[in-house]
N, C-alpha and C. Protein backbone atom coordinates (compact mmCIF):
# COMPACT_ATOMS: atom_id res chain seq x y z
N UNK A 1 -36.25 11.51 -16.09
CA UNK A 1 -36.56 10.72 -14.56
C UNK A 1 -35.13 10.02 -14.18
N UNK A 2 -34.74 9.39 -14.64
CA UNK A 2 -33.47 8.34 -13.69
C UNK A 2 -32.35 9.44 -13.75
N UNK A 3 -32.31 10.15 -14.43
CA UNK A 3 -31.16 11.11 -14.03
C UNK A 3 -31.29 12.06 -12.70
N UNK A 4 -32.61 12.02 -12.54
CA UNK A 4 -33.00 13.07 -11.07
C UNK A 4 -32.66 11.94 -9.84
N UNK A 5 -32.88 10.56 -10.45
CA UNK A 5 -33.23 9.67 -8.95
C UNK A 5 -31.75 9.45 -9.08
N UNK A 6 -30.63 9.29 -10.06
CA UNK A 6 -29.51 9.26 -9.89
C UNK A 6 -28.49 10.47 -9.22
N UNK A 7 -28.90 11.81 -9.53
CA UNK A 7 -28.51 13.09 -8.70
C UNK A 7 -28.78 12.79 -7.39
N UNK A 8 -29.92 12.40 -6.97
CA UNK A 8 -30.51 12.43 -5.59
C UNK A 8 -29.86 11.31 -4.87
N UNK A 9 -29.34 10.21 -4.99
CA UNK A 9 -29.03 9.09 -4.66
C UNK A 9 -27.78 9.58 -4.33
N UNK A 10 -26.73 10.09 -5.30
CA UNK A 10 -25.51 10.94 -5.35
C UNK A 10 -25.08 11.52 -4.21
N UNK A 11 -26.43 12.62 -4.33
CA UNK A 11 -26.30 13.69 -2.93
C UNK A 11 -26.31 13.38 -1.65
N UNK A 12 -27.56 12.08 -1.80
CA UNK A 12 -27.64 11.54 -0.25
C UNK A 12 -26.65 10.60 0.04
N UNK A 13 -25.93 9.93 -0.73
CA UNK A 13 -25.06 9.28 -0.60
C UNK A 13 -23.61 10.21 -0.09
N UNK A 14 -23.39 11.42 -0.64
CA UNK A 14 -22.16 12.09 -0.42
C UNK A 14 -22.90 12.84 0.93
N UNK A 15 -23.79 13.31 1.40
CA UNK A 15 -24.43 13.76 2.61
C UNK A 15 -24.12 12.78 3.88
N UNK A 16 -24.05 11.75 3.59
CA UNK A 16 -24.17 10.52 4.82
C UNK A 16 -22.59 10.54 5.23
N UNK A 17 -21.86 10.52 3.91
CA UNK A 17 -20.18 10.64 4.08
C UNK A 17 -19.70 11.75 4.77
N UNK A 18 -20.34 12.69 4.51
CA UNK A 18 -20.22 14.25 5.37
C UNK A 18 -20.20 13.72 6.93
N UNK A 19 -21.80 13.30 6.98
CA UNK A 19 -22.06 12.96 8.55
C UNK A 19 -21.23 12.30 9.53
N UNK A 20 -20.83 10.88 8.81
CA UNK A 20 -19.92 9.81 9.29
C UNK A 20 -18.68 10.50 9.66
N UNK A 21 -18.10 11.33 8.51
CA UNK A 21 -16.84 12.05 8.81
C UNK A 21 -16.96 12.96 9.60
N UNK A 22 -17.96 13.65 10.12
CA UNK A 22 -17.91 14.50 10.98
C UNK A 22 -17.92 13.95 12.46
N UNK A 23 -18.75 12.66 12.58
CA UNK A 23 -19.11 11.90 14.30
C UNK A 23 -17.69 11.39 14.24
N UNK A 24 -16.78 10.62 13.34
CA UNK A 24 -15.93 9.76 13.55
C UNK A 24 -14.41 10.13 12.81
N UNK A 25 -14.57 11.70 12.42
CA UNK A 25 -13.07 11.63 11.82
C UNK A 25 -12.77 10.96 10.65
N UNK A 26 -11.75 11.35 10.27
CA UNK A 26 -11.14 11.18 9.06
C UNK A 26 -10.49 9.52 9.30
N UNK A 27 -10.96 8.26 8.62
CA UNK A 27 -10.24 7.09 8.71
C UNK A 27 -8.82 7.01 8.04
N UNK A 28 -8.09 6.26 9.23
CA UNK A 28 -6.75 6.42 8.19
C UNK A 28 -6.63 5.66 7.19
N UNK A 29 -6.12 5.94 6.06
CA UNK A 29 -5.44 5.00 4.93
C UNK A 29 -5.15 3.48 5.19
N UNK A 30 -6.03 3.23 4.69
CA UNK A 30 -5.59 1.33 4.70
C UNK A 30 -4.51 1.41 3.80
N UNK A 31 -2.94 0.61 4.22
CA UNK A 31 -1.95 0.59 3.52
C UNK A 31 -1.95 -0.45 2.20
N UNK A 32 -1.66 0.33 1.06
CA UNK A 32 -1.89 -0.38 -0.25
C UNK A 32 -0.68 0.00 -0.87
N UNK A 33 -0.33 -0.76 -1.95
CA UNK A 33 0.51 -0.19 -3.34
C UNK A 33 -0.43 -0.37 -4.42
N UNK A 34 -0.35 0.69 -5.00
CA UNK A 34 -0.85 0.68 -6.23
C UNK A 34 0.24 0.50 -7.20
N UNK A 35 0.65 -0.52 -8.38
CA UNK A 35 1.89 -0.43 -8.86
C UNK A 35 0.87 -0.81 -10.36
N UNK A 36 1.69 -0.22 -11.58
CA UNK A 36 1.14 0.39 -12.90
C UNK A 36 2.72 0.00 -13.43
N UNK A 37 2.67 0.24 -14.43
CA UNK A 37 3.90 -0.31 -15.52
C UNK A 37 4.76 0.86 -15.25
N UNK A 38 4.39 2.14 -14.96
CA UNK A 38 5.67 3.36 -14.89
C UNK A 38 5.82 3.86 -13.81
N UNK A 39 5.10 3.13 -12.34
CA UNK A 39 5.03 3.72 -11.38
C UNK A 39 4.45 2.87 -10.25
N UNK A 40 5.37 3.09 -9.04
CA UNK A 40 4.89 2.78 -7.86
C UNK A 40 4.35 3.46 -6.52
N UNK A 41 3.08 3.54 -6.21
CA UNK A 41 2.55 4.36 -5.46
C UNK A 41 2.08 3.79 -4.34
N UNK A 42 2.92 4.31 -3.21
CA UNK A 42 2.20 3.49 -1.90
C UNK A 42 1.54 4.70 -1.27
N UNK A 43 0.64 3.70 -0.62
CA UNK A 43 -0.73 4.41 0.15
C UNK A 43 -0.73 4.31 1.55
N UNK A 44 -0.30 4.65 2.62
CA UNK A 44 -0.29 4.84 3.67
C UNK A 44 1.38 4.19 4.06
N UNK A 45 1.72 4.37 6.01
CA UNK A 45 2.95 4.36 6.16
C UNK A 45 3.74 3.15 5.90
N UNK A 46 2.90 1.86 6.51
CA UNK A 46 3.29 0.85 6.05
C UNK A 46 3.93 0.41 4.75
N UNK A 47 2.91 0.64 3.80
CA UNK A 47 2.95 0.84 2.17
C UNK A 47 4.47 1.27 1.89
N UNK A 48 4.63 2.52 2.40
CA UNK A 48 5.71 3.53 2.18
C UNK A 48 6.82 2.62 2.48
N UNK A 49 6.90 2.01 3.86
CA UNK A 49 8.21 1.20 3.92
C UNK A 49 8.28 -0.35 3.28
N UNK A 50 7.08 -0.64 2.69
CA UNK A 50 7.21 -1.66 1.85
C UNK A 50 7.95 -1.49 0.62
N UNK A 51 7.40 -0.24 -0.06
CA UNK A 51 7.99 0.11 -1.67
C UNK A 51 9.30 0.80 -1.49
N UNK A 52 9.85 0.59 -0.46
CA UNK A 52 11.33 0.81 0.08
C UNK A 52 12.00 -0.43 -0.55
N UNK A 53 11.50 -1.16 -0.01
CA UNK A 53 12.15 -2.77 -0.42
C UNK A 53 11.66 -3.23 -1.71
N UNK A 54 11.19 -2.51 -2.36
CA UNK A 54 10.61 -3.53 -3.67
C UNK A 54 11.86 -2.90 -4.61
N UNK A 55 12.37 -1.41 -4.27
CA UNK A 55 13.50 -1.39 -5.05
C UNK A 55 14.66 -1.23 -4.35
N UNK A 56 15.20 -2.38 -3.92
CA UNK A 56 16.39 -1.98 -3.06
C UNK A 56 17.51 -1.62 -3.73
N UNK A 57 19.00 -1.36 -2.97
CA UNK A 57 19.97 -0.87 -3.50
C UNK A 57 21.00 -2.24 -3.87
N UNK A 58 21.20 -1.92 -5.30
CA UNK A 58 21.54 -3.30 -5.74
C UNK A 58 22.65 -3.59 -5.26
N UNK A 59 23.60 -2.96 -4.64
CA UNK A 59 25.26 -3.30 -4.15
C UNK A 59 24.77 -4.26 -2.79
N UNK A 60 23.78 -3.95 -2.11
CA UNK A 60 23.64 -4.57 -0.89
C UNK A 60 23.31 -6.11 -1.23
N UNK A 61 21.91 -5.85 -2.44
CA UNK A 61 21.93 -7.01 -2.96
C UNK A 61 22.70 -8.35 -3.17
N UNK A 62 23.64 -7.83 -3.91
CA UNK A 62 24.54 -8.25 -4.58
C UNK A 62 25.75 -8.92 -3.01
N UNK A 63 25.82 -8.23 -2.32
CA UNK A 63 26.56 -8.36 -1.07
C UNK A 63 26.05 -9.61 -0.05
N UNK A 64 24.21 -9.19 -0.10
CA UNK A 64 23.35 -10.30 0.53
C UNK A 64 23.88 -11.92 -0.36
N UNK A 65 23.54 -11.56 -1.50
CA UNK A 65 23.36 -12.88 -2.44
C UNK A 65 24.96 -13.60 -2.47
N UNK A 66 26.04 -12.69 -2.48
CA UNK A 66 27.36 -13.55 -1.87
C UNK A 66 27.39 -14.18 -0.41
N UNK A 67 27.41 -13.24 0.03
CA UNK A 67 27.32 -13.94 1.38
C UNK A 67 26.49 -15.49 1.88
N UNK A 68 25.33 -15.19 1.43
CA UNK A 68 24.25 -16.33 1.41
C UNK A 68 24.85 -17.47 0.79
N UNK A 69 25.70 -17.37 -0.79
CA UNK A 69 26.49 -18.70 -1.61
C UNK A 69 27.59 -18.99 -0.67
N UNK A 70 28.41 -17.76 -0.18
CA UNK A 70 29.44 -18.29 0.31
C UNK A 70 29.02 -19.45 1.79
N UNK A 71 27.89 -18.91 2.36
CA UNK A 71 27.62 -19.91 3.79
C UNK A 71 26.45 -20.69 3.68
N UNK A 72 26.17 -21.03 2.47
CA UNK A 72 25.57 -21.83 1.66
C UNK A 72 24.02 -21.97 2.70
N UNK A 73 23.40 -20.74 2.72
CA UNK A 73 22.33 -20.65 3.59
C UNK A 73 21.21 -19.80 2.62
N UNK A 74 19.80 -19.94 3.33
CA UNK A 74 18.93 -19.25 2.56
C UNK A 74 18.10 -18.20 2.99
N UNK A 75 17.18 -17.64 2.99
CA UNK A 75 15.89 -17.09 3.62
C UNK A 75 14.99 -17.39 3.68
N UNK A 76 13.69 -17.16 4.62
CA UNK A 76 12.50 -17.94 4.34
C UNK A 76 12.27 -16.64 4.79
N UNK A 77 10.99 -15.85 3.88
CA UNK A 77 10.06 -14.87 4.51
C UNK A 77 8.70 -15.00 3.78
N UNK A 78 7.71 -14.17 4.59
CA UNK A 78 6.06 -14.71 4.31
C UNK A 78 5.86 -13.30 4.08
N UNK A 79 4.63 -13.19 3.21
CA UNK A 79 4.24 -11.45 2.55
C UNK A 79 3.64 -11.16 4.07
N UNK A 80 3.30 -11.57 5.06
CA UNK A 80 3.05 -10.81 6.62
C UNK A 80 3.79 -10.52 6.91
N UNK A 81 5.01 -10.49 6.95
CA UNK A 81 6.38 -10.31 7.54
C UNK A 81 6.78 -8.68 7.56
N UNK A 82 7.63 -7.91 8.52
CA UNK A 82 7.76 -6.76 7.63
C UNK A 82 8.65 -6.95 6.72
N UNK A 83 8.63 -5.65 6.43
CA UNK A 83 9.12 -5.55 4.91
C UNK A 83 10.43 -5.77 4.63
N UNK A 84 11.32 -5.14 6.04
CA UNK A 84 12.72 -5.06 5.64
C UNK A 84 13.27 -6.66 5.67
N UNK A 85 12.51 -7.51 5.99
CA UNK A 85 13.03 -8.92 5.57
C UNK A 85 13.17 -9.24 4.14
């Protein structure tokens, strides 16, 4: 009896999802980064931009570090800033 209820509830839930999609259309994907040991999967346009900067060009990084040391300056950034920072 429990399996039938579970299947009935699941079918009802899927039916509600289909109706909601039909009424409102697909909801854009919330930007997120799925990070595992072996890969990085950006989901959504903003996450794609963020992922690009998680693996920066090492030559560019070295030049920036050198410039910052020469000028004796630093960079302050927060998690909510554009990923380019």
